[in-house]
């Protein structure tokens, strides 16, 4: 894959069920308030270690607030050598509205 693909919630669920990695690029407070189950927060601070430790052959789904910022982050991962990178259309806001059972509970 030379570029990322935008995917909808149903496509993301299928990829997650097949073992895709989920990364969330929102700010720490938003991530702690709730995120897709098993997602990892990806930031400028941990990007290099994520790239170094990741299996670049496995699918990666990038999530943000509304599905816009995740597109540039997804393209960055493609340029770093990842084979299958996806941007979640609608971001966490749409995910939470449609798949609340697949969201983490807020940290207290």
PDB file of N, CA and C in Angstrom:
ATOM      1  N   UNK A   1       0.860  -1.167   0.000  1.00  0.00           N
ATOM      2  CA  UNK A   1       0.000   0.000   0.000  1.00  0.00           C
ATOM      3  C   UNK A   1       0.913   1.240   0.000  1.00  0.00           C
ATOM      4  N   UNK A   2       0.703   2.149  -0.954  1.00  0.00           N
ATOM      5  CA  UNK A   2       1.518   3.358  -1.048  1.00  0.00           C
ATOM      6  C   UNK A   2       0.945   4.516  -0.257  1.00  0.00           C
ATOM      7  N   UNK A   3      -0.300   4.400   0.117  1.00  0.00           N
ATOM      8  CA  UNK A   3      -0.955   5.441   0.886  1.00  0.00           C
ATOM      9  C   UNK A   3      -1.930   4.793   1.852  1.00  0.00           C
ATOM     10  N   UNK A   4      -2.357   5.552   2.807  1.00  0.00           N
ATOM     11  CA  UNK A   4      -3.332   5.036   3.768  1.00  0.00           C
ATOM     12  C   UNK A   4      -4.710   4.958   3.105  1.00  0.00           C
ATOM     13  N   UNK A   5      -5.626   4.268   3.760  1.00  0.00           N
ATOM     14  CA  UNK A   5      -7.014   4.217   3.321  1.00  0.00           C
ATOM     15  C   UNK A   5      -7.908   4.699   4.447  1.00  0.00           C
ATOM     16  N   UNK A   6      -8.948   5.436   4.104  1.00  0.00           N
ATOM     17  CA  UNK A   6      -9.973   5.810   5.081  1.00  0.00           C
ATOM     18  C   UNK A   6     -10.965   4.655   5.169  1.00  0.00           C
ATOM     19  N   UNK A   7     -11.314   4.287   6.398  1.00  0.00           N
ATOM     20  CA  UNK A   7     -12.248   3.180   6.595  1.00  0.00           C
ATOM     21  C   UNK A   7     -13.352   3.599   7.545  1.00  0.00           C
ATOM     22  N   UNK A   8     -14.495   2.909   7.416  1.00  0.00           N
ATOM     23  CA  UNK A   8     -15.618   3.186   8.304  1.00  0.00           C
ATOM     24  C   UNK A   8     -15.533   2.282   9.537  1.00  0.00           C
ATOM     25  N   UNK A   9     -16.480   2.455  10.419  1.00  0.00           N
ATOM     26  CA  UNK A   9     -16.470   1.717  11.679  1.00  0.00           C
ATOM     27  C   UNK A   9     -16.535   0.209  11.462  1.00  0.00           C
ATOM     28  N   UNK A  10     -17.390  -0.240  10.572  1.00  0.00           N
ATOM     29  CA  UNK A  10     -17.537  -1.681  10.342  1.00  0.00           C
ATOM     30  C   UNK A  10     -16.238  -2.292   9.820  1.00  0.00           C
ATOM     31  N   UNK A  11     -15.563  -1.579   8.912  1.00  0.00           N
ATOM     32  CA  UNK A  11     -14.287  -2.073   8.401  1.00  0.00           C
ATOM     33  C   UNK A  11     -13.246  -2.103   9.511  1.00  0.00           C
ATOM     34  N   UNK A  12     -13.267  -1.087  10.380  1.00  0.00           N
ATOM     35  CA  UNK A  12     -12.326  -1.043  11.494  1.00  0.00           C
ATOM     36  C   UNK A  12     -12.561  -2.210  12.452  1.00  0.00           C
ATOM     37  N   UNK A  13     -13.813  -2.496  12.756  1.00  0.00           N
ATOM     38  CA  UNK A  13     -14.126  -3.612  13.653  1.00  0.00           C
ATOM     39  C   UNK A  13     -13.572  -4.914  13.078  1.00  0.00           C
ATOM     40  N   UNK A  14     -13.754  -5.133  11.791  1.00  0.00           N
ATOM     41  CA  UNK A  14     -13.243  -6.352  11.160  1.00  0.00           C
ATOM     42  C   UNK A  14     -11.723  -6.432  11.270  1.00  0.00           C
ATOM     43  N   UNK A  15     -11.051  -5.323  11.044  1.00  0.00           N
ATOM     44  CA  UNK A  15      -9.591  -5.306  11.161  1.00  0.00           C
ATOM     45  C   UNK A  15      -9.146  -5.548  12.601  1.00  0.00           C
ATOM     46  N   UNK A  16      -9.853  -4.951  13.548  1.00  0.00           N
ATOM     47  CA  UNK A  16      -9.533  -5.150  14.965  1.00  0.00           C
ATOM     48  C   UNK A  16      -9.700  -6.617  15.336  1.00  0.00           C
ATOM     49  N   UNK A  17     -10.770  -7.225  14.865  1.00  0.00           N
ATOM     50  CA  UNK A  17     -11.000  -8.642  15.145  1.00  0.00           C
ATOM     51  C   UNK A  17      -9.906  -9.522  14.555  1.00  0.00           C
ATOM     52  N   UNK A  18      -9.253  -9.035  13.483  1.00  0.00           N
ATOM     53  CA  UNK A  18      -8.146  -9.766  12.858  1.00  0.00           C
ATOM     54  C   UNK A  18      -6.785  -9.385  13.441  1.00  0.00           C
ATOM     55  N   UNK A  19      -6.776  -8.547  14.492  1.00  0.00           N
ATOM     56  CA  UNK A  19      -5.536  -8.244  15.183  1.00  0.00           C
ATOM     57  C   UNK A  19      -4.868  -6.931  14.842  1.00  0.00           C
ATOM     58  N   UNK A  20      -5.580  -6.008  14.202  1.00  0.00           N
ATOM     59  CA  UNK A  20      -4.989  -4.712  13.878  1.00  0.00           C
ATOM     60  C   UNK A  20      -4.610  -3.945  15.138  1.00  0.00           C
ATOM     61  N   UNK A  21      -3.580  -3.146  15.031  1.00  0.00           N
ATOM     62  CA  UNK A  21      -3.151  -2.249  16.102  1.00  0.00           C
ATOM     63  C   UNK A  21      -3.947  -0.955  15.972  1.00  0.00           C
ATOM     64  N   UNK A  22      -4.402  -0.410  17.093  1.00  0.00           N
ATOM     65  CA  UNK A  22      -5.141   0.855  17.087  1.00  0.00           C
ATOM     66  C   UNK A  22      -4.295   1.894  17.801  1.00  0.00           C
ATOM     67  N   UNK A  23      -4.059   3.026  17.136  1.00  0.00           N
ATOM     68  CA  UNK A  23      -3.353   4.127  17.775  1.00  0.00           C
ATOM     69  C   UNK A  23      -4.255   5.348  17.766  1.00  0.00           C
ATOM     70  N   UNK A  24      -4.246   6.055  18.868  1.00  0.00           N
ATOM     71  CA  UNK A  24      -5.086   7.235  19.074  1.00  0.00           C
ATOM     72  C   UNK A  24      -4.154   8.435  19.221  1.00  0.00           C
ATOM     73  N   UNK A  25      -4.337   9.457  18.395  1.00  0.00           N
ATOM     74  CA  UNK A  25      -3.422  10.601  18.415  1.00  0.00           C
ATOM     75  C   UNK A  25      -3.997  11.808  19.149  1.00  0.00           C
ATOM     76  N   UNK A  26      -5.110  11.628  19.850  1.00  0.00           N
ATOM     77  CA  UNK A  26      -5.693  12.747  20.603  1.00  0.00           C
ATOM     78  C   UNK A  26      -4.822  13.104  21.803  1.00  0.00           C
ATOM     79  N   UNK A  27      -5.113  14.237  22.417  1.00  0.00           N
ATOM     80  CA  UNK A  27      -4.339  14.692  23.570  1.00  0.00           C
ATOM     81  C   UNK A  27      -4.533  13.730  24.749  1.00  0.00           C
ATOM     82  N   UNK A  28      -3.614  13.764  25.711  1.00  0.00           N
ATOM     83  CA  UNK A  28      -3.679  12.807  26.835  1.00  0.00           C
ATOM     84  C   UNK A  28      -4.984  12.852  27.622  1.00  0.00           C
ATOM     85  N   UNK A  29      -5.529  14.042  27.850  1.00  0.00           N
ATOM     86  CA  UNK A  29      -6.764  14.158  28.627  1.00  0.00           C
ATOM     87  C   UNK A  29      -7.942  13.505  27.906  1.00  0.00           C
ATOM     88  N   UNK A  30      -8.037  13.727  26.620  1.00  0.00           N
ATOM     89  CA  UNK A  30      -9.124  13.111  25.848  1.00  0.00           C
ATOM     90  C   UNK A  30      -8.978  11.600  25.812  1.00  0.00           C
ATOM     91  N   UNK A  31      -7.752  11.128  25.635  1.00  0.00           N
ATOM     92  CA  UNK A  31      -7.503   9.688  25.615  1.00  0.00           C
ATOM     93  C   UNK A  31      -7.890   9.063  26.949  1.00  0.00           C
ATOM     94  N   UNK A  32      -7.495   9.690  28.045  1.00  0.00           N
ATOM     95  CA  UNK A  32      -7.826   9.163  29.368  1.00  0.00           C
ATOM     96  C   UNK A  32      -9.322   9.191  29.647  1.00  0.00           C
ATOM     97  N   UNK A  33     -10.024  10.145  29.058  1.00  0.00           N
ATOM     98  CA  UNK A  33     -11.475  10.239  29.258  1.00  0.00           C
ATOM     99  C   UNK A  33     -12.216   9.115  28.545  1.00  0.00           C
ATOM    100  N   UNK A  34     -11.593   8.496  27.565  1.00  0.00           N
ATOM    101  CA  UNK A  34     -12.203   7.380  26.845  1.00  0.00           C
ATOM    102  C   UNK A  34     -11.522   7.178  25.511  1.00  0.00           C
ATOM    103  N   UNK A  35     -11.401   5.916  25.117  1.00  0.00           N
ATOM    104  CA  UNK A  35     -10.778   5.578  23.838  1.00  0.00           C
ATOM    105  C   UNK A  35     -11.252   4.191  23.404  1.00  0.00           C
ATOM    106  N   UNK A  36     -10.943   3.841  22.177  1.00  0.00           N
ATOM    107  CA  UNK A  36     -11.271   2.512  21.682  1.00  0.00           C
ATOM    108  C   UNK A  36     -10.500   1.492  22.515  1.00  0.00           C
ATOM    109  N   UNK A  37     -11.179   0.432  22.915  1.00  0.00           N
ATOM    110  CA  UNK A  37     -10.522  -0.607  23.712  1.00  0.00           C
ATOM    111  C   UNK A  37      -9.239  -1.070  23.037  1.00  0.00           C
ATOM    112  N   UNK A  38      -8.206  -1.242  23.842  1.00  0.00           N
ATOM    113  CA  UNK A  38      -6.898  -1.733  23.410  1.00  0.00           C
ATOM    114  C   UNK A  38      -6.112  -0.746  22.548  1.00  0.00           C
ATOM    115  N   UNK A  39      -6.605   0.479  22.417  1.00  0.00           N
ATOM    116  CA  UNK A  39      -5.852   1.493  21.672  1.00  0.00           C
ATOM    117  C   UNK A  39      -4.671   1.969  22.503  1.00  0.00           C
ATOM    118  N   UNK A  40      -3.629   2.370  21.811  1.00  0.00           N
ATOM    119  CA  UNK A  40      -2.467   2.996  22.440  1.00  0.00           C
ATOM    120  C   UNK A  40      -2.441   4.451  22.015  1.00  0.00           C
ATOM    121  N   UNK A  41      -2.025   5.300  22.916  1.00  0.00           N
ATOM    122  CA  UNK A  41      -1.909   6.718  22.564  1.00  0.00           C
ATOM    123  C   UNK A  41      -0.579   6.931  21.864  1.00  0.00           C
ATOM    124  N   UNK A  42      -0.622   7.532  20.686  1.00  0.00           N
ATOM    125  CA  UNK A  42       0.573   7.807  19.903  1.00  0.00           C
ATOM    126  C   UNK A  42       0.782   9.311  19.877  1.00  0.00           C
ATOM    127  N   UNK A  43       1.989   9.733  20.240  1.00  0.00           N
ATOM    128  CA  UNK A  43       2.310  11.161  20.283  1.00  0.00           C
ATOM    129  C   UNK A  43       3.707  11.366  19.710  1.00  0.00           C
ATOM    130  N   UNK A  44       4.095  12.607  19.584  1.00  0.00           N
ATOM    131  CA  UNK A  44       5.453  12.910  19.124  1.00  0.00           C
ATOM    132  C   UNK A  44       6.493  12.307  20.059  1.00  0.00           C
ATOM    133  N   UNK A  45       6.155  12.214  21.344  1.00  0.00           N
ATOM    134  CA  UNK A  45       7.100  11.696  22.331  1.00  0.00           C
ATOM    135  C   UNK A  45       7.374  10.202  22.186  1.00  0.00           C
ATOM    136  N   UNK A  46       6.377   9.426  21.760  1.00  0.00           N
ATOM    137  CA  UNK A  46       6.597   7.977  21.674  1.00  0.00           C
ATOM    138  C   UNK A  46       6.577   7.445  20.240  1.00  0.00           C
ATOM    139  N   UNK A  47       6.530   8.326  19.264  1.00  0.00           N
ATOM    140  CA  UNK A  47       6.450   7.899  17.857  1.00  0.00           C
ATOM    141  C   UNK A  47       7.638   7.039  17.460  1.00  0.00           C
ATOM    142  N   UNK A  48       8.847   7.468  17.791  1.00  0.00           N
ATOM    143  CA  UNK A  48      10.035   6.714  17.377  1.00  0.00           C
ATOM    144  C   UNK A  48      10.081   5.330  18.004  1.00  0.00           C
ATOM    145  N   UNK A  49       9.713   5.220  19.270  1.00  0.00           N
ATOM    146  CA  UNK A  49       9.718   3.891  19.895  1.00  0.00           C
ATOM    147  C   UNK A  49       8.608   3.016  19.320  1.00  0.00           C
ATOM    148  N   UNK A  50       7.452   3.617  19.003  1.00  0.00           N
ATOM    149  CA  UNK A  50       6.376   2.848  18.378  1.00  0.00           C
ATOM    150  C   UNK A  50       6.855   2.267  17.052  1.00  0.00           C
ATOM    151  N   UNK A  51       7.487   3.101  16.241  1.00  0.00           N
ATOM    152  CA  UNK A  51       7.968   2.650  14.935  1.00  0.00           C
ATOM    153  C   UNK A  51       9.013   1.549  15.100  1.00  0.00           C
ATOM    154  N   UNK A  52       9.923   1.738  16.040  1.00  0.00           N
ATOM    155  CA  UNK A  52      10.995   0.759  16.254  1.00  0.00           C
ATOM    156  C   UNK A  52      10.470  -0.590  16.725  1.00  0.00           C
ATOM    157  N   UNK A  53       9.391  -0.586  17.511  1.00  0.00           N
ATOM    158  CA  UNK A  53       8.881  -1.820  18.115  1.00  0.00           C
ATOM    159  C   UNK A  53       7.749  -2.478  17.329  1.00  0.00           C
ATOM    160  N   UNK A  54       7.162  -1.762  16.379  1.00  0.00           N
ATOM    161  CA  UNK A  54       5.970  -2.264  15.690  1.00  0.00           C
ATOM    162  C   UNK A  54       6.304  -3.293  14.621  1.00  0.00           C
ATOM    163  N   UNK A  55       5.343  -4.154  14.371  1.00  0.00           N
ATOM    164  CA  UNK A  55       5.402  -5.071  13.236  1.00  0.00           C
ATOM    165  C   UNK A  55       4.806  -4.321  12.056  1.00  0.00           C
ATOM    166  N   UNK A  56       5.645  -3.884  11.148  1.00  0.00           N
ATOM    167  CA  UNK A  56       5.201  -3.022  10.049  1.00  0.00           C
ATOM    168  C   UNK A  56       4.341  -3.738   9.022  1.00  0.00           C
ATOM    169  N   UNK A  57       4.244  -5.067   9.144  1.00  0.00           N
ATOM    170  CA  UNK A  57       3.393  -5.832   8.237  1.00  0.00           C
ATOM    171  C   UNK A  57       1.965  -5.960   8.750  1.00  0.00           C
ATOM    172  N   UNK A  58       1.733  -5.613  10.022  1.00  0.00           N
ATOM    173  CA  UNK A  58       0.400  -5.714  10.609  1.00  0.00           C
ATOM    174  C   UNK A  58      -0.390  -4.424  10.359  1.00  0.00           C
ATOM    175  N   UNK A  59      -1.698  -4.528  10.173  1.00  0.00           N
ATOM    176  CA  UNK A  59      -2.519  -3.331   9.962  1.00  0.00           C
ATOM    177  C   UNK A  59      -2.511  -2.414  11.182  1.00  0.00           C
ATOM    178  N   UNK A  60      -2.522  -1.103  10.907  1.00  0.00           N
ATOM    179  CA  UNK A  60      -2.583  -0.079  11.944  1.00  0.00           C
ATOM    180  C   UNK A  60      -3.754   0.848  11.616  1.00  0.00           C
ATOM    181  N   UNK A  61      -4.617   1.074  12.611  1.00  0.00           N
ATOM    182  CA  UNK A  61      -5.733   2.004  12.468  1.00  0.00           C
ATOM    183  C   UNK A  61      -5.403   3.239  13.292  1.00  0.00           C
ATOM    184  N   UNK A  62      -5.461   4.414  12.660  1.00  0.00           N
ATOM    185  CA  UNK A  62      -5.178   5.667  13.342  1.00  0.00           C
ATOM    186  C   UNK A  62      -6.501   6.370  13.625  1.00  0.00           C
ATOM    187  N   UNK A  63      -6.668   6.792  14.873  1.00  0.00           N
ATOM    188  CA  UNK A  63      -7.894   7.442  15.331  1.00  0.00           C
ATOM    189  C   UNK A  63      -7.559   8.809  15.905  1.00  0.00           C
ATOM    190  N   UNK A  64      -8.427   9.789  15.623  1.00  0.00           N
ATOM    191  CA  UNK A  64      -8.302  11.123  16.222  1.00  0.00           C
ATOM    192  C   UNK A  64      -9.696  11.539  16.703  1.00  0.00           C
ATOM    193  N   UNK A  65      -9.950  12.825  16.809  1.00  0.00           N
ATOM    194  CA  UNK A  65     -11.258  13.298  17.272  1.00  0.00           C
ATOM    195  C   UNK A  65     -12.364  13.029  16.249  1.00  0.00           C
ATOM    196  N   UNK A  66     -12.167  13.518  15.013  1.00  0.00           N
ATOM    197  CA  UNK A  66     -13.228  13.483  14.000  1.00  0.00           C
ATOM    198  C   UNK A  66     -12.823  12.801  12.696  1.00  0.00           C
ATOM    199  N   UNK A  67     -11.583  12.332  12.591  1.00  0.00           N
ATOM    200  CA  UNK A  67     -11.149  11.638  11.383  1.00  0.00           C
ATOM    201  C   UNK A  67     -10.355  12.491  10.422  1.00  0.00           C
ATOM    202  N   UNK A  68      -9.919  13.669  10.837  1.00  0.00           N
ATOM    203  CA  UNK A  68      -9.149  14.537   9.947  1.00  0.00           C
ATOM    204  C   UNK A  68      -7.659  14.459  10.240  1.00  0.00           C
ATOM    205  N   UNK A  69      -7.268  14.707  11.469  1.00  0.00           N
ATOM    206  CA  UNK A  69      -5.842  14.673  11.843  1.00  0.00           C
ATOM    207  C   UNK A  69      -5.252  13.284  11.658  1.00  0.00           C
ATOM    208  N   UNK A  70      -6.066  12.272  11.799  1.00  0.00           N
ATOM    209  CA  UNK A  70      -5.573  10.904  11.660  1.00  0.00           C
ATOM    210  C   UNK A  70      -5.072  10.632  10.248  1.00  0.00           C
ATOM    211  N   UNK A  71      -5.559  11.372   9.270  1.00  0.00           N
ATOM    212  CA  UNK A  71      -5.128  11.139   7.898  1.00  0.00           C
ATOM    213  C   UNK A  71      -3.655  11.502   7.700  1.00  0.00           C
ATOM    214  N   UNK A  72      -3.226  12.637   8.233  1.00  0.00           N
ATOM    215  CA  UNK A  72      -1.812  13.001   8.083  1.00  0.00           C
ATOM    216  C   UNK A  72      -0.930  12.068   8.915  1.00  0.00           C
ATOM    217  N   UNK A  73      -1.400  11.655  10.089  1.00  0.00           N
ATOM    218  CA  UNK A  73      -0.635  10.709  10.904  1.00  0.00           C
ATOM    219  C   UNK A  73      -0.524   9.359  10.184  1.00  0.00           C
ATOM    220  N   UNK A  74      -1.606   8.941   9.545  1.00  0.00           N
ATOM    221  CA  UNK A  74      -1.586   7.676   8.801  1.00  0.00           C
ATOM    222  C   UNK A  74      -0.587   7.753   7.647  1.00  0.00           C
ATOM    223  N   UNK A  75      -0.571   8.873   6.941  1.00  0.00           N
ATOM    224  CA  UNK A  75       0.378   9.020   5.837  1.00  0.00           C
ATOM    225  C   UNK A  75       1.819   9.006   6.345  1.00  0.00           C
ATOM    226  N   UNK A  76       2.054   9.606   7.507  1.00  0.00           N
ATOM    227  CA  UNK A  76       3.388   9.574   8.097  1.00  0.00           C
ATOM    228  C   UNK A  76       3.826   8.137   8.362  1.00  0.00           C
ATOM    229  N   UNK A  77       2.930   7.315   8.889  1.00  0.00           N
ATOM    230  CA  UNK A  77       3.278   5.917   9.153  1.00  0.00           C
ATOM    231  C   UNK A  77       3.584   5.170   7.858  1.00  0.00           C
ATOM    232  N   UNK A  78       2.868   5.486   6.793  1.00  0.00           N
ATOM    233  CA  UNK A  78       3.159   4.879   5.487  1.00  0.00           C
ATOM    234  C   UNK A  78       4.584   5.239   5.058  1.00  0.00           C
ATOM    235  N   UNK A  79       4.951   6.511   5.206  1.00  0.00           N
ATOM    236  CA  UNK A  79       6.300   6.932   4.789  1.00  0.00           C
ATOM    237  C   UNK A  79       7.384   6.301   5.653  1.00  0.00           C
ATOM    238  N   UNK A  80       7.020   5.838   6.842  1.00  0.00           N
ATOM    239  CA  UNK A  80       7.984   5.187   7.732  1.00  0.00           C
ATOM    240  C   UNK A  80       8.104   3.686   7.471  1.00  0.00           C
ATOM    241  N   UNK A  81       7.325   3.171   6.516  1.00  0.00           N
ATOM    242  CA  UNK A  81       7.473   1.777   6.123  1.00  0.00           C
ATOM    243  C   UNK A  81       6.350   0.841   6.500  1.00  0.00           C
ATOM    244  N   UNK A  82       5.299   1.341   7.141  1.00  0.00           N
ATOM    245  CA  UNK A  82       4.161   0.480   7.454  1.00  0.00           C
ATOM    246  C   UNK A  82       3.424   0.110   6.165  1.00  0.00           C
ATOM    247  N   UNK A  83       2.972  -1.136   6.080  1.00  0.00           N
ATOM    248  CA  UNK A  83       2.332  -1.623   4.863  1.00  0.00           C
ATOM    249  C   UNK A  83       0.837  -1.326   4.784  1.00  0.00           C
ATOM    250  N   UNK A  84       0.140  -1.448   5.909  1.00  0.00           N
ATOM    251  CA  UNK A  84      -1.322  -1.323   5.909  1.00  0.00           C
ATOM    252  C   UNK A  84      -1.730  -0.329   6.983  1.00  0.00           C
ATOM    253  N   UNK A  85      -2.025   0.899   6.578  1.00  0.00           N
ATOM    254  CA  UNK A  85      -2.397   1.933   7.529  1.00  0.00           C
ATOM    255  C   UNK A  85      -3.757   2.492   7.137  1.00  0.00           C
ATOM    256  N   UNK A  86      -4.606   2.674   8.132  1.00  0.00           N
ATOM    257  CA  UNK A  86      -5.977   3.116   7.913  1.00  0.00           C
ATOM    258  C   UNK A  86      -6.306   4.294   8.821  1.00  0.00           C
ATOM    259  N   UNK A  87      -7.071   5.223   8.300  1.00  0.00           N
ATOM    260  CA  UNK A  87      -7.579   6.350   9.077  1.00  0.00           C
ATOM    261  C   UNK A  87      -9.062   6.097   9.330  1.00  0.00           C
ATOM    262  N   UNK A  88      -9.464   6.218  10.586  1.00  0.00           N
ATOM    263  CA  UNK A  88     -10.850   5.948  10.957  1.00  0.00           C
ATOM    264  C   UNK A  88     -11.741   7.138  10.639  1.00  0.00           C
ATOM    265  N   UNK A  89     -12.639   6.976   9.676  1.00  0.00           N
ATOM    266  CA  UNK A  89     -13.604   8.029   9.328  1.00  0.00           C
ATOM    267  C   UNK A  89     -14.463   8.357  10.545  1.00  0.00           C
ATOM    268  N   UNK A  90     -14.629   9.632  10.820  1.00  0.00           N
ATOM    269  CA  UNK A  90     -15.466  10.061  11.932  1.00  0.00           C
ATOM    270  C   UNK A  90     -14.758  10.062  13.265  1.00  0.00           C
ATOM    271  N   UNK A  91     -13.576   9.470  13.340  1.00  0.00           N
ATOM    272  CA  UNK A  91     -12.777   9.472  14.548  1.00  0.00           C
ATOM    273  C   UNK A  91     -13.470   8.870  15.764  1.00  0.00           C
ATOM    274  N   UNK A  92     -12.913   9.194  16.929  1.00  0.00           N
ATOM    275  CA  UNK A  92     -13.451   8.637  18.168  1.00  0.00           C
ATOM    276  C   UNK A  92     -14.870   9.117  18.449  1.00  0.00           C
ATOM    277  N   UNK A  93     -15.186  10.332  18.039  1.00  0.00           N
ATOM    278  CA  UNK A  93     -16.538  10.849  18.297  1.00  0.00           C
ATOM    279  C   UNK A  93     -17.597   9.948  17.653  1.00  0.00           C
ATOM    280  N   UNK A  94     -17.406   9.578  16.407  1.00  0.00           N
ATOM    281  CA  UNK A  94     -18.365   8.705  15.735  1.00  0.00           C
ATOM    282  C   UNK A  94     -18.301   7.283  16.290  1.00  0.00           C
ATOM    283  N   UNK A  95     -17.088   6.819  16.603  1.00  0.00           N
ATOM    284  CA  UNK A  95     -16.928   5.482  17.177  1.00  0.00           C
ATOM    285  C   UNK A  95     -17.705   5.367  18.488  1.00  0.00           C
ATOM    286  N   UNK A  96     -17.522   6.345  19.363  1.00  0.00           N
ATOM    287  CA  UNK A  96     -18.181   6.326  20.670  1.00  0.00           C
ATOM    288  C   UNK A  96     -19.702   6.325  20.522  1.00  0.00           C
ATOM    289  N   UNK A  97     -20.212   7.057  19.537  1.00  0.00           N
ATOM    290  CA  UNK A  97     -21.655   7.120  19.316  1.00  0.00           C
ATOM    291  C   UNK A  97     -22.211   5.799  18.786  1.00  0.00           C
ATOM    292  N   UNK A  98     -21.390   5.033  18.047  1.00  0.00           N
ATOM    293  CA  UNK A  98     -21.873   3.818  17.402  1.00  0.00           C
ATOM    294  C   UNK A  98     -21.401   2.519  18.041  1.00  0.00           C
ATOM    295  N   UNK A  99     -20.297   2.568  18.754  1.00  0.00           N
ATOM    296  CA  UNK A  99     -19.729   1.354  19.364  1.00  0.00           C
ATOM    297  C   UNK A  99     -19.337   1.603  20.822  1.00  0.00           C
ATOM    298  N   UNK A 100     -20.264   2.111  21.638  1.00  0.00           N
ATOM    299  CA  UNK A 100     -19.878   2.406  23.028  1.00  0.00           C
ATOM    300  C   UNK A 100     -19.401   1.170  23.787  1.00  0.00           C
ATOM    301  N   UNK A 101     -19.863   0.005  23.383  1.00  0.00           N
ATOM    302  CA  UNK A 101     -19.435  -1.222  24.056  1.00  0.00           C
ATOM    303  C   UNK A 101     -17.974  -1.554  23.780  1.00  0.00           C
ATOM    304  N   UNK A 102     -17.382  -0.908  22.783  1.00  0.00           N
ATOM    305  CA  UNK A 102     -15.970  -1.132  22.435  1.00  0.00           C
ATOM    306  C   UNK A 102     -15.109   0.065  22.838  1.00  0.00           C
ATOM    307  N   UNK A 103     -15.584   0.840  23.809  1.00  0.00           N
ATOM    308  CA  UNK A 103     -14.834   1.980  24.331  1.00  0.00           C
ATOM    309  C   UNK A 103     -14.376   1.669  25.743  1.00  0.00           C
ATOM    310  N   UNK A 104     -13.252   2.244  26.101  1.00  0.00           N
ATOM    311  CA  UNK A 104     -12.780   2.094  27.470  1.00  0.00           C
ATOM    312  C   UNK A 104     -13.609   2.935  28.398  1.00  0.00           C
ATOM    313  N   UNK A 105     -13.653   2.540  29.635  1.00  0.00           N
ATOM    314  CA  UNK A 105     -14.310   3.355  30.647  1.00  0.00           C
ATOM    315  C   UNK A 105     -13.343   4.465  31.044  1.00  0.00           C
ATOM    316  N   UNK A 106     -13.849   5.625  31.364  1.00  0.00           N
ATOM    317  CA  UNK A 106     -12.942   6.693  31.813  1.00  0.00           C
ATOM    318  C   UNK A 106     -12.122   6.251  33.010  1.00  0.00           C
ATOM    319  N   UNK A 107     -10.870   6.702  33.026  1.00  0.00           N
ATOM    320  CA  UNK A 107      -9.970   6.394  34.145  1.00  0.00           C
ATOM    321  C   UNK A 107     -10.372   7.276  35.327  1.00  0.00           C
ATOM    322  N   UNK A 108     -10.504   6.699  36.498  1.00  0.00           N
ATOM    323  CA  UNK A 108     -10.851   7.484  37.680  1.00  0.00           C
ATOM    324  C   UNK A 108      -9.763   7.405  38.721  1.00  0.00           C
TER     325      UNK A 108
END
